Amino acid sequence: MRSFVRFSLAGLVALVAIGFVVNQQQTNGDGDEVLPTVTNGQCDDAGTSLIIDFGTGQPQELIEKCIQNFEGYSWDLFEAASIGLSGTEKYPVGFVCRIENFPSKEQEKCIDTPGTKNGSWAYFLSEQDGSWKYSPIGASTHKTKCGVSEGWRFLLPGEPVETPPRVAPKTYACGN
């Protein structure tokens, strides 16, 4: 009986994984896969802008990327843009702990959700009004869409969670 349950569970996990991979692939009208394209800077038209602000006093430069032809969750937007992202041991794809290996492993162990003692990443969205709004949901559950800017800012201890990235998001409307 245990073998049957294990086998069934393994099959279910495999089916979910296959469904996820198939869902992530986009095709054009001919059935060919359309890969995301990434350029430096924010999008001027169709696409999703991804802005990474390492925060006050950090030596890392701001990252701005335009990702076009991408549909999926914000967590996967990092991979499409070739930007390193890692979660915590407890929440490996549910809580952003490091972006581009920042903060360092010495500064933050990333075992559980980081507290304010060492600083942490805050997630912001901007749609057509051109202002940042702190996101009430995480990157693993937010689906990106054309025309949205997604911003991340590393907040030092004592900085309010509403402190947005230091660059204004560009605004535009996507055609249908």
N, C-alpha and C. Protein backbone atom coordinates (compact mmCIF):
# COMPACT_ATOMS: atom_id res chain seq x y z
N MET A 1 0.82 -1.20 0.00
CA MET A 1 0.00 0.00 0.00
C MET A 1 0.86 1.26 0.00
N ARG A 2 1.92 1.26 0.82
CA ARG A 2 2.80 2.44 0.87
C ARG A 2 3.45 2.72 -0.47
N SER A 3 3.85 1.65 -1.16
CA SER A 3 4.48 1.82 -2.47
C SER A 3 3.51 2.47 -3.44
N PHE A 4 2.25 2.04 -3.39
CA PHE A 4 1.24 2.62 -4.27
C PHE A 4 1.07 4.12 -3.98
N VAL A 5 1.00 4.48 -2.70
CA VAL A 5 0.84 5.89 -2.33
C VAL A 5 2.05 6.70 -2.78
N ARG A 6 3.26 6.19 -2.55
CA ARG A 6 4.47 6.89 -2.98
C ARG A 6 4.49 7.06 -4.49
N PHE A 7 4.16 5.99 -5.21
CA PHE A 7 4.15 6.03 -6.67
C PHE A 7 3.12 7.05 -7.16
N SER A 8 1.95 7.06 -6.56
CA SER A 8 0.89 8.01 -6.94
C SER A 8 1.32 9.44 -6.66
N LEU A 9 1.93 9.64 -5.51
CA LEU A 9 2.40 10.98 -5.16
C LEU A 9 3.49 11.45 -6.11
N ALA A 10 4.42 10.57 -6.44
CA ALA A 10 5.49 10.92 -7.38
C ALA A 10 4.90 11.26 -8.74
N GLY A 11 3.91 10.50 -9.18
CA GLY A 11 3.25 10.78 -10.46
C GLY A 11 2.55 12.12 -10.46
N LEU A 12 1.89 12.43 -9.37
CA LEU A 12 1.20 13.71 -9.25
C LEU A 12 2.20 14.87 -9.29
N VAL A 13 3.31 14.75 -8.57
CA VAL A 13 4.34 15.79 -8.59
C VAL A 13 4.89 15.97 -10.00
N ALA A 14 5.13 14.87 -10.70
CA ALA A 14 5.64 14.95 -12.07
C ALA A 14 4.64 15.65 -12.99
N LEU A 15 3.36 15.33 -12.86
CA LEU A 15 2.35 15.98 -13.70
C LEU A 15 2.27 17.48 -13.44
N VAL A 16 2.36 17.88 -12.18
CA VAL A 16 2.35 19.31 -11.85
C VAL A 16 3.56 20.00 -12.46
N ALA A 17 4.72 19.38 -12.36
CA ALA A 17 5.94 19.97 -12.92
C ALA A 17 5.82 20.10 -14.44
N ILE A 18 5.33 19.09 -15.10
CA ILE A 18 5.17 19.15 -16.57
C ILE A 18 4.17 20.24 -16.94
N GLY A 19 3.08 20.33 -16.21
CA GLY A 19 2.09 21.37 -16.48
C GLY A 19 2.68 22.76 -16.31
N PHE A 20 3.52 22.95 -15.31
CA PHE A 20 4.15 24.24 -15.08
C PHE A 20 5.05 24.61 -16.26
N VAL A 21 5.87 23.65 -16.72
CA VAL A 21 6.78 23.92 -17.84
C VAL A 21 5.99 24.24 -19.10
N VAL A 22 4.96 23.48 -19.38
CA VAL A 22 4.14 23.73 -20.58
C VAL A 22 3.47 25.09 -20.48
N ASN A 23 2.98 25.45 -19.32
CA ASN A 23 2.32 26.73 -19.12
C ASN A 23 3.27 27.91 -19.32
N GLN A 24 4.55 27.74 -19.03
CA GLN A 24 5.51 28.82 -19.13
C GLN A 24 5.95 29.09 -20.56
N GLN A 25 5.76 28.14 -21.46
CA GLN A 25 6.18 28.31 -22.84
C GLN A 25 5.14 29.13 -23.59
N GLN A 26 5.62 30.10 -24.35
CA GLN A 26 4.75 30.92 -25.16
C GLN A 26 5.01 30.58 -26.62
N THR A 27 3.98 30.69 -27.42
CA THR A 27 4.15 30.42 -28.85
C THR A 27 3.58 31.56 -29.65
N ASN A 28 4.09 31.68 -30.90
CA ASN A 28 3.48 32.63 -31.82
C ASN A 28 2.35 31.91 -32.54
N GLY A 29 1.74 32.53 -33.50
CA GLY A 29 0.61 31.93 -34.21
C GLY A 29 0.96 30.66 -34.94
N ASP A 30 2.23 30.45 -35.28
CA ASP A 30 2.66 29.26 -36.00
C ASP A 30 3.01 28.11 -35.07
N GLY A 31 2.88 28.30 -33.77
CA GLY A 31 3.23 27.25 -32.82
C GLY A 31 4.69 27.28 -32.41
N ASP A 32 5.49 28.22 -32.94
CA ASP A 32 6.89 28.33 -32.56
C ASP A 32 6.99 29.02 -31.20
N GLU A 33 7.93 28.55 -30.38
CA GLU A 33 8.14 29.16 -29.07
C GLU A 33 8.71 30.56 -29.24
N VAL A 34 8.15 31.51 -28.49
CA VAL A 34 8.63 32.89 -28.50
C VAL A 34 9.37 33.11 -27.19
N LEU A 35 10.66 33.38 -27.28
CA LEU A 35 11.46 33.59 -26.08
C LEU A 35 11.42 35.06 -25.67
N PRO A 36 11.49 35.31 -24.38
CA PRO A 36 11.55 36.70 -23.93
C PRO A 36 12.81 37.39 -24.45
N THR A 37 12.70 38.67 -24.73
CA THR A 37 13.86 39.47 -25.10
C THR A 37 14.11 40.47 -23.98
N VAL A 38 15.38 40.72 -23.71
CA VAL A 38 15.76 41.59 -22.60
C VAL A 38 16.71 42.66 -23.12
N THR A 39 16.42 43.90 -22.76
CA THR A 39 17.31 45.02 -23.09
C THR A 39 17.57 45.81 -21.82
N ASN A 40 18.67 46.54 -21.81
CA ASN A 40 18.99 47.40 -20.68
C ASN A 40 18.10 48.62 -20.70
N GLY A 41 17.75 49.10 -19.53
CA GLY A 41 16.88 50.26 -19.40
C GLY A 41 15.43 49.83 -19.26
N GLN A 42 14.60 50.79 -18.91
CA GLN A 42 13.18 50.50 -18.78
C GLN A 42 12.53 50.43 -20.16
N CYS A 43 11.39 49.78 -20.24
CA CYS A 43 10.66 49.65 -21.49
C CYS A 43 10.09 51.00 -21.92
N ASP A 44 10.14 51.25 -23.21
CA ASP A 44 9.51 52.44 -23.78
C ASP A 44 8.15 52.11 -24.37
N ASP A 45 7.93 50.83 -24.61
CA ASP A 45 6.64 50.37 -25.12
C ASP A 45 6.39 48.97 -24.59
N ALA A 46 5.86 48.08 -25.35
CA ALA A 46 5.44 46.76 -24.88
C ALA A 46 6.53 46.06 -24.08
N GLY A 47 6.15 45.58 -22.91
CA GLY A 47 7.08 44.84 -22.06
C GLY A 47 6.85 45.16 -20.60
N THR A 48 7.64 44.51 -19.76
CA THR A 48 7.62 44.74 -18.32
C THR A 48 8.99 45.24 -17.90
N SER A 49 9.03 46.34 -17.20
CA SER A 49 10.29 46.88 -16.69
C SER A 49 10.58 46.28 -15.33
N LEU A 50 11.84 45.91 -15.11
CA LEU A 50 12.29 45.38 -13.82
C LEU A 50 13.40 46.27 -13.32
N ILE A 51 13.18 46.87 -12.15
CA ILE A 51 14.13 47.81 -11.56
C ILE A 51 14.59 47.24 -10.22
N ILE A 52 15.91 47.16 -10.05
CA ILE A 52 16.50 46.67 -8.80
C ILE A 52 17.33 47.80 -8.21
N ASP A 53 16.94 48.27 -7.03
CA ASP A 53 17.64 49.34 -6.31
C ASP A 53 18.24 48.72 -5.04
N PHE A 54 19.56 48.67 -4.98
CA PHE A 54 20.23 48.03 -3.85
C PHE A 54 20.20 48.87 -2.58
N GLY A 55 19.63 50.06 -2.66
CA GLY A 55 19.40 50.85 -1.47
C GLY A 55 20.47 51.88 -1.15
N THR A 56 20.20 52.62 -0.12
CA THR A 56 21.05 53.71 0.32
C THR A 56 22.44 53.22 0.71
N GLY A 57 23.45 53.87 0.16
CA GLY A 57 24.83 53.61 0.56
C GLY A 57 25.43 52.32 0.05
N GLN A 58 24.78 51.62 -0.86
CA GLN A 58 25.32 50.36 -1.37
C GLN A 58 26.16 50.62 -2.63
N PRO A 59 27.24 49.87 -2.82
CA PRO A 59 28.10 50.09 -3.99
C PRO A 59 27.52 49.56 -5.31
N GLN A 60 26.54 48.66 -5.25
CA GLN A 60 25.97 48.12 -6.47
C GLN A 60 25.17 49.18 -7.22
N GLU A 61 25.29 49.13 -8.54
CA GLU A 61 24.55 50.08 -9.36
C GLU A 61 23.12 49.59 -9.57
N LEU A 62 22.23 50.53 -9.73
CA LEU A 62 20.84 50.26 -10.03
C LEU A 62 20.76 49.40 -11.30
N ILE A 63 19.87 48.44 -11.33
CA ILE A 63 19.64 47.60 -12.51
C ILE A 63 18.28 47.96 -13.09
N GLU A 64 18.24 48.23 -14.39
CA GLU A 64 16.98 48.48 -15.09
C GLU A 64 16.96 47.60 -16.33
N LYS A 65 15.94 46.76 -16.45
CA LYS A 65 15.81 45.85 -17.60
C LYS A 65 14.41 45.95 -18.16
N CYS A 66 14.31 45.80 -19.48
CA CYS A 66 13.03 45.70 -20.16
C CYS A 66 12.91 44.26 -20.66
N ILE A 67 11.87 43.58 -20.23
CA ILE A 67 11.64 42.19 -20.64
C ILE A 67 10.38 42.17 -21.49
N GLN A 68 10.55 41.78 -22.75
CA GLN A 68 9.42 41.71 -23.68
C GLN A 68 9.12 40.25 -24.00
N ASN A 69 7.90 40.00 -24.44
CA ASN A 69 7.45 38.64 -24.80
C ASN A 69 7.51 37.70 -23.60
N PHE A 70 7.15 38.20 -22.44
CA PHE A 70 7.16 37.38 -21.24
C PHE A 70 5.78 37.39 -20.61
N GLU A 71 5.29 36.21 -20.32
CA GLU A 71 4.07 36.06 -19.54
C GLU A 71 4.37 35.07 -18.43
N GLY A 72 4.05 35.41 -17.25
CA GLY A 72 4.30 34.51 -16.14
C GLY A 72 4.35 35.27 -14.84
N TYR A 73 4.89 34.61 -13.86
CA TYR A 73 4.97 35.21 -12.53
C TYR A 73 6.22 36.08 -12.39
N SER A 74 6.11 37.06 -11.52
CA SER A 74 7.21 38.01 -11.31
C SER A 74 8.48 37.31 -10.86
N TRP A 75 8.35 36.23 -10.09
CA TRP A 75 9.52 35.48 -9.65
C TRP A 75 10.32 35.00 -10.86
N ASP A 76 9.62 34.54 -11.90
CA ASP A 76 10.27 34.02 -13.11
C ASP A 76 10.82 35.12 -14.01
N LEU A 77 10.38 36.35 -13.78
CA LEU A 77 10.88 37.49 -14.55
C LEU A 77 12.39 37.66 -14.34
N PHE A 78 12.86 37.35 -13.15
CA PHE A 78 14.30 37.45 -12.85
C PHE A 78 15.10 36.51 -13.73
N GLU A 79 14.63 35.28 -13.86
CA GLU A 79 15.34 34.31 -14.70
C GLU A 79 15.33 34.77 -16.16
N ALA A 80 14.19 35.26 -16.63
CA ALA A 80 14.10 35.75 -18.00
C ALA A 80 15.10 36.89 -18.24
N ALA A 81 15.35 37.71 -17.21
CA ALA A 81 16.27 38.84 -17.32
C ALA A 81 17.70 38.48 -16.95
N SER A 82 17.95 37.21 -16.63
CA SER A 82 19.28 36.73 -16.21
C SER A 82 19.79 37.47 -14.98
N ILE A 83 18.90 37.68 -14.03
CA ILE A 83 19.25 38.32 -12.76
C ILE A 83 19.13 37.26 -11.67
N GLY A 84 20.20 37.11 -10.90
CA GLY A 84 20.23 36.11 -9.84
C GLY A 84 19.21 36.41 -8.75
N LEU A 85 18.48 35.39 -8.34
CA LEU A 85 17.45 35.53 -7.32
C LEU A 85 17.45 34.28 -6.46
N SER A 86 17.35 34.46 -5.15
CA SER A 86 17.21 33.30 -4.28
C SER A 86 16.29 33.64 -3.12
N GLY A 87 15.58 32.61 -2.70
CA GLY A 87 14.68 32.74 -1.57
C GLY A 87 15.37 32.30 -0.30
N THR A 88 14.58 31.94 0.67
CA THR A 88 15.12 31.46 1.94
C THR A 88 15.06 29.93 1.95
N GLU A 89 15.73 29.32 2.92
CA GLU A 89 15.64 27.87 3.05
C GLU A 89 14.19 27.45 3.31
N LYS A 90 13.48 28.21 4.12
CA LYS A 90 12.10 27.87 4.46
C LYS A 90 11.15 28.16 3.29
N TYR A 91 11.40 29.25 2.55
CA TYR A 91 10.55 29.64 1.42
C TYR A 91 11.44 29.86 0.19
N PRO A 92 11.88 28.79 -0.47
CA PRO A 92 12.85 28.92 -1.56
C PRO A 92 12.34 29.68 -2.79
N VAL A 93 11.03 29.67 -3.05
CA VAL A 93 10.49 30.43 -4.18
C VAL A 93 9.31 31.30 -3.74
N GLY A 94 9.26 31.64 -2.49
CA GLY A 94 8.14 32.42 -2.01
C GLY A 94 8.53 33.71 -1.32
N PHE A 95 9.80 33.84 -0.98
CA PHE A 95 10.24 35.04 -0.28
C PHE A 95 11.62 35.43 -0.79
N VAL A 96 11.75 36.61 -1.38
CA VAL A 96 13.03 37.06 -1.93
C VAL A 96 13.97 37.42 -0.80
N CYS A 97 15.12 36.75 -0.78
CA CYS A 97 16.13 37.03 0.23
C CYS A 97 17.35 37.70 -0.39
N ARG A 98 17.76 37.21 -1.57
CA ARG A 98 18.94 37.77 -2.25
C ARG A 98 18.62 38.06 -3.70
N ILE A 99 19.11 39.20 -4.16
CA ILE A 99 19.10 39.54 -5.59
C ILE A 99 20.54 39.81 -5.97
N GLU A 100 21.01 39.11 -7.00
CA GLU A 100 22.40 39.25 -7.44
C GLU A 100 23.37 39.06 -6.27
N ASN A 101 23.09 38.04 -5.46
CA ASN A 101 23.92 37.69 -4.30
C ASN A 101 24.03 38.79 -3.25
N PHE A 102 23.03 39.66 -3.20
CA PHE A 102 22.99 40.72 -2.19
C PHE A 102 21.71 40.58 -1.39
N PRO A 103 21.77 40.62 -0.08
CA PRO A 103 22.94 40.79 0.77
C PRO A 103 23.79 39.51 0.80
N SER A 104 25.00 39.65 1.28
CA SER A 104 25.93 38.52 1.32
C SER A 104 25.44 37.47 2.31
N LYS A 105 26.00 36.27 2.19
CA LYS A 105 25.65 35.18 3.11
C LYS A 105 26.08 35.51 4.54
N GLU A 106 27.13 36.31 4.68
CA GLU A 106 27.57 36.71 6.02
C GLU A 106 26.58 37.70 6.64
N GLN A 107 26.01 38.56 5.81
CA GLN A 107 25.07 39.57 6.30
C GLN A 107 23.70 38.95 6.60
N GLU A 108 23.25 38.03 5.75
CA GLU A 108 21.93 37.42 5.93
C GLU A 108 22.01 35.93 5.58
N LYS A 109 21.68 35.09 6.52
CA LYS A 109 21.76 33.63 6.32
C LYS A 109 20.66 33.10 5.41
N CYS A 110 19.53 33.79 5.31
CA CYS A 110 18.40 33.39 4.46
C CYS A 110 17.83 32.03 4.85
N ILE A 111 17.72 31.80 6.14
CA ILE A 111 17.13 30.56 6.62
C ILE A 111 15.61 30.71 6.67
N ASP A 112 15.14 31.78 7.28
CA ASP A 112 13.72 32.08 7.38
C ASP A 112 13.52 33.48 6.80
N THR A 113 12.34 34.03 6.87
CA THR A 113 12.13 35.38 6.35
C THR A 113 13.02 36.36 7.11
N PRO A 114 13.81 37.16 6.39
CA PRO A 114 14.70 38.11 7.05
C PRO A 114 13.91 39.15 7.83
N GLY A 115 14.41 39.49 8.97
CA GLY A 115 13.79 40.55 9.76
C GLY A 115 14.40 41.90 9.38
N THR A 116 14.03 42.92 10.10
CA THR A 116 14.53 44.26 9.81
C THR A 116 15.92 44.49 10.39
N LYS A 117 16.42 43.57 11.18
CA LYS A 117 17.73 43.74 11.83
C LYS A 117 18.86 43.89 10.80
N ASN A 118 18.81 43.12 9.73
CA ASN A 118 19.85 43.16 8.70
C ASN A 118 19.41 43.87 7.44
N GLY A 119 18.16 44.26 7.36
CA GLY A 119 17.61 44.83 6.14
C GLY A 119 16.93 43.75 5.33
N SER A 120 16.10 44.15 4.38
CA SER A 120 15.40 43.18 3.53
C SER A 120 14.89 43.86 2.26
N TRP A 121 14.48 43.04 1.31
CA TRP A 121 13.97 43.53 0.03
C TRP A 121 12.48 43.87 0.14
N ALA A 122 12.10 44.99 -0.47
CA ALA A 122 10.69 45.38 -0.56
C ALA A 122 10.31 45.40 -2.04
N TYR A 123 9.08 45.01 -2.34
CA TYR A 123 8.58 44.81 -3.70
C TYR A 123 7.53 45.86 -4.02
N PHE A 124 7.68 46.51 -5.19
CA PHE A 124 6.78 47.58 -5.61
C PHE A 124 6.30 47.34 -7.03
N LEU A 125 5.10 47.85 -7.33
CA LEU A 125 4.54 47.79 -8.66
C LEU A 125 4.12 49.18 -9.08
N SER A 126 4.18 49.44 -10.38
CA SER A 126 3.69 50.70 -10.92
C SER A 126 2.96 50.42 -12.22
N GLU A 127 1.76 50.94 -12.31
CA GLU A 127 1.02 50.77 -13.55
C GLU A 127 0.98 52.12 -14.27
N GLN A 128 -0.11 52.50 -14.83
CA GLN A 128 -0.16 53.67 -15.72
C GLN A 128 0.02 55.02 -15.04
N ASP A 129 -0.14 55.11 -13.73
CA ASP A 129 -0.04 56.42 -13.08
C ASP A 129 1.39 56.88 -12.83
N GLY A 130 2.37 56.00 -13.01
CA GLY A 130 3.77 56.39 -12.89
C GLY A 130 4.29 56.51 -11.47
N SER A 131 3.59 55.95 -10.51
CA SER A 131 4.09 56.00 -9.13
C SER A 131 4.23 54.58 -8.59
N TRP A 132 5.18 54.41 -7.68
CA TRP A 132 5.39 53.11 -7.06
C TRP A 132 4.37 52.87 -5.96
N LYS A 133 3.90 51.63 -5.88
CA LYS A 133 3.01 51.22 -4.79
C LYS A 133 3.57 49.93 -4.21
N TYR A 134 3.70 49.89 -2.88
CA TYR A 134 4.18 48.69 -2.21
C TYR A 134 3.24 47.54 -2.54
N SER A 135 3.78 46.42 -2.95
CA SER A 135 2.95 45.28 -3.35
C SER A 135 2.45 44.50 -2.14
N PRO A 136 1.14 44.27 -2.09
CA PRO A 136 0.60 43.47 -0.99
C PRO A 136 0.78 41.97 -1.22
N ILE A 137 1.22 41.57 -2.41
CA ILE A 137 1.44 40.15 -2.70
C ILE A 137 2.88 39.95 -3.14
N GLY A 138 3.35 38.73 -3.06
CA GLY A 138 4.73 38.42 -3.40
C GLY A 138 4.94 38.12 -4.87
N ALA A 139 6.20 38.04 -5.24
CA ALA A 139 6.59 37.82 -6.63
C ALA A 139 6.21 36.44 -7.15
N SER A 140 6.06 35.48 -6.26
CA SER A 140 5.72 34.14 -6.72
C SER A 140 4.23 33.98 -7.01
N THR A 141 3.41 34.96 -6.62
CA THR A 141 1.98 34.89 -6.90
C THR A 141 1.48 36.01 -7.80
N HIS A 142 2.32 36.98 -8.11
CA HIS A 142 1.92 38.09 -8.98
C HIS A 142 2.26 37.77 -10.43
N LYS A 143 1.26 37.84 -11.30
CA LYS A 143 1.49 37.63 -12.74
C LYS A 143 1.81 38.97 -13.38
N THR A 144 2.91 39.00 -14.12
CA THR A 144 3.29 40.23 -14.78
C THR A 144 2.33 40.52 -15.93
N LYS A 145 2.33 41.78 -16.35
CA LYS A 145 1.58 42.13 -17.54
C LYS A 145 2.26 43.30 -18.23
N CYS A 146 1.98 43.42 -19.48
CA CYS A 146 2.59 44.46 -20.29
C CYS A 146 2.25 45.84 -19.73
N GLY A 147 3.25 46.71 -19.69
CA GLY A 147 3.06 48.08 -19.23
C GLY A 147 3.31 48.29 -17.75
N VAL A 148 3.53 47.22 -17.01
CA VAL A 148 3.77 47.33 -15.57
C VAL A 148 5.27 47.41 -15.30
N SER A 149 5.65 48.24 -14.38
CA SER A 149 7.03 48.26 -13.89
C SER A 149 7.04 47.56 -12.54
N GLU A 150 8.06 46.73 -12.34
CA GLU A 150 8.23 46.04 -11.08
C GLU A 150 9.53 46.50 -10.47
N GLY A 151 9.47 46.93 -9.23
CA GLY A 151 10.65 47.48 -8.58
C GLY A 151 10.96 46.78 -7.27
N TRP A 152 12.23 46.67 -7.00
CA TRP A 152 12.72 46.08 -5.75
C TRP A 152 13.71 47.05 -5.13
N ARG A 153 13.59 47.24 -3.82
CA ARG A 153 14.52 48.11 -3.11
C ARG A 153 14.95 47.42 -1.83
N PHE A 154 16.27 47.42 -1.60
CA PHE A 154 16.78 46.87 -0.35
C PHE A 154 16.67 47.96 0.70
N LEU A 155 15.93 47.64 1.76
CA LEU A 155 15.71 48.60 2.84
C LEU A 155 16.61 48.28 4.02
N LEU A 156 17.32 49.28 4.45
CA LEU A 156 18.17 49.15 5.62
C LEU A 156 17.33 49.16 6.89
N PRO A 157 17.87 48.65 7.98
CA PRO A 157 17.12 48.70 9.24
C PRO A 157 16.66 50.13 9.54
N GLY A 158 15.40 50.27 9.89
CA GLY A 158 14.83 51.57 10.23
C GLY A 158 14.18 52.29 9.06
N GLU A 159 14.45 51.88 7.81
CA GLU A 159 13.79 52.52 6.67
C GLU A 159 12.36 52.00 6.56
N PRO A 160 11.41 52.89 6.32
CA PRO A 160 10.01 52.46 6.20
C PRO A 160 9.83 51.51 5.01
N VAL A 161 8.96 50.53 5.16
CA VAL A 161 8.71 49.55 4.11
C VAL A 161 8.15 50.20 2.84
N GLU A 162 7.59 51.37 2.96
CA GLU A 162 7.02 52.07 1.80
C GLU A 162 8.07 52.88 1.02
N THR A 163 9.35 52.79 1.38
CA THR A 163 10.41 53.53 0.68
C THR A 163 10.63 52.87 -0.68
N PRO A 164 10.23 53.54 -1.77
CA PRO A 164 10.28 52.92 -3.10
C PRO A 164 11.67 52.99 -3.73
N PRO A 165 11.85 52.30 -4.86
CA PRO A 165 13.10 52.46 -5.61
C PRO A 165 13.34 53.94 -5.92
N ARG A 166 14.61 54.31 -6.05
CA ARG A 166 14.97 55.72 -6.22
C ARG A 166 14.88 56.22 -7.65
N VAL A 167 14.37 55.41 -8.55
CA VAL A 167 14.18 55.84 -9.93
C VAL A 167 12.68 55.74 -10.24
N ALA A 168 12.19 56.73 -10.96
CA ALA A 168 10.76 56.73 -11.31
C ALA A 168 10.50 55.71 -12.42
N PRO A 169 9.39 55.02 -12.33
CA PRO A 169 9.05 54.08 -13.40
C PRO A 169 8.50 54.83 -14.61
N LYS A 170 8.82 54.32 -15.80
CA LYS A 170 8.24 54.89 -17.02
C LYS A 170 6.83 54.33 -17.17
N THR A 171 5.96 55.14 -17.74
CA THR A 171 4.59 54.68 -17.95
C THR A 171 4.25 54.66 -19.43
N TYR A 172 3.43 53.72 -19.83
CA TYR A 172 2.95 53.61 -21.20
C TYR A 172 1.80 52.62 -21.21
N ALA A 173 1.04 52.66 -22.26
CA ALA A 173 -0.06 51.73 -22.43
C ALA A 173 0.31 50.74 -23.52
N CYS A 174 0.01 49.49 -23.27
CA CYS A 174 0.29 48.45 -24.27
C CYS A 174 -0.90 48.30 -25.18
N GLY A 175 -0.63 48.02 -26.45
CA GLY A 175 -1.72 47.76 -27.40
C GLY A 175 -2.27 46.36 -27.19
N ASN A 176 -3.43 46.14 -27.65
CA ASN A 176 -4.05 44.81 -27.52
C ASN A 176 -3.74 43.95 -28.71
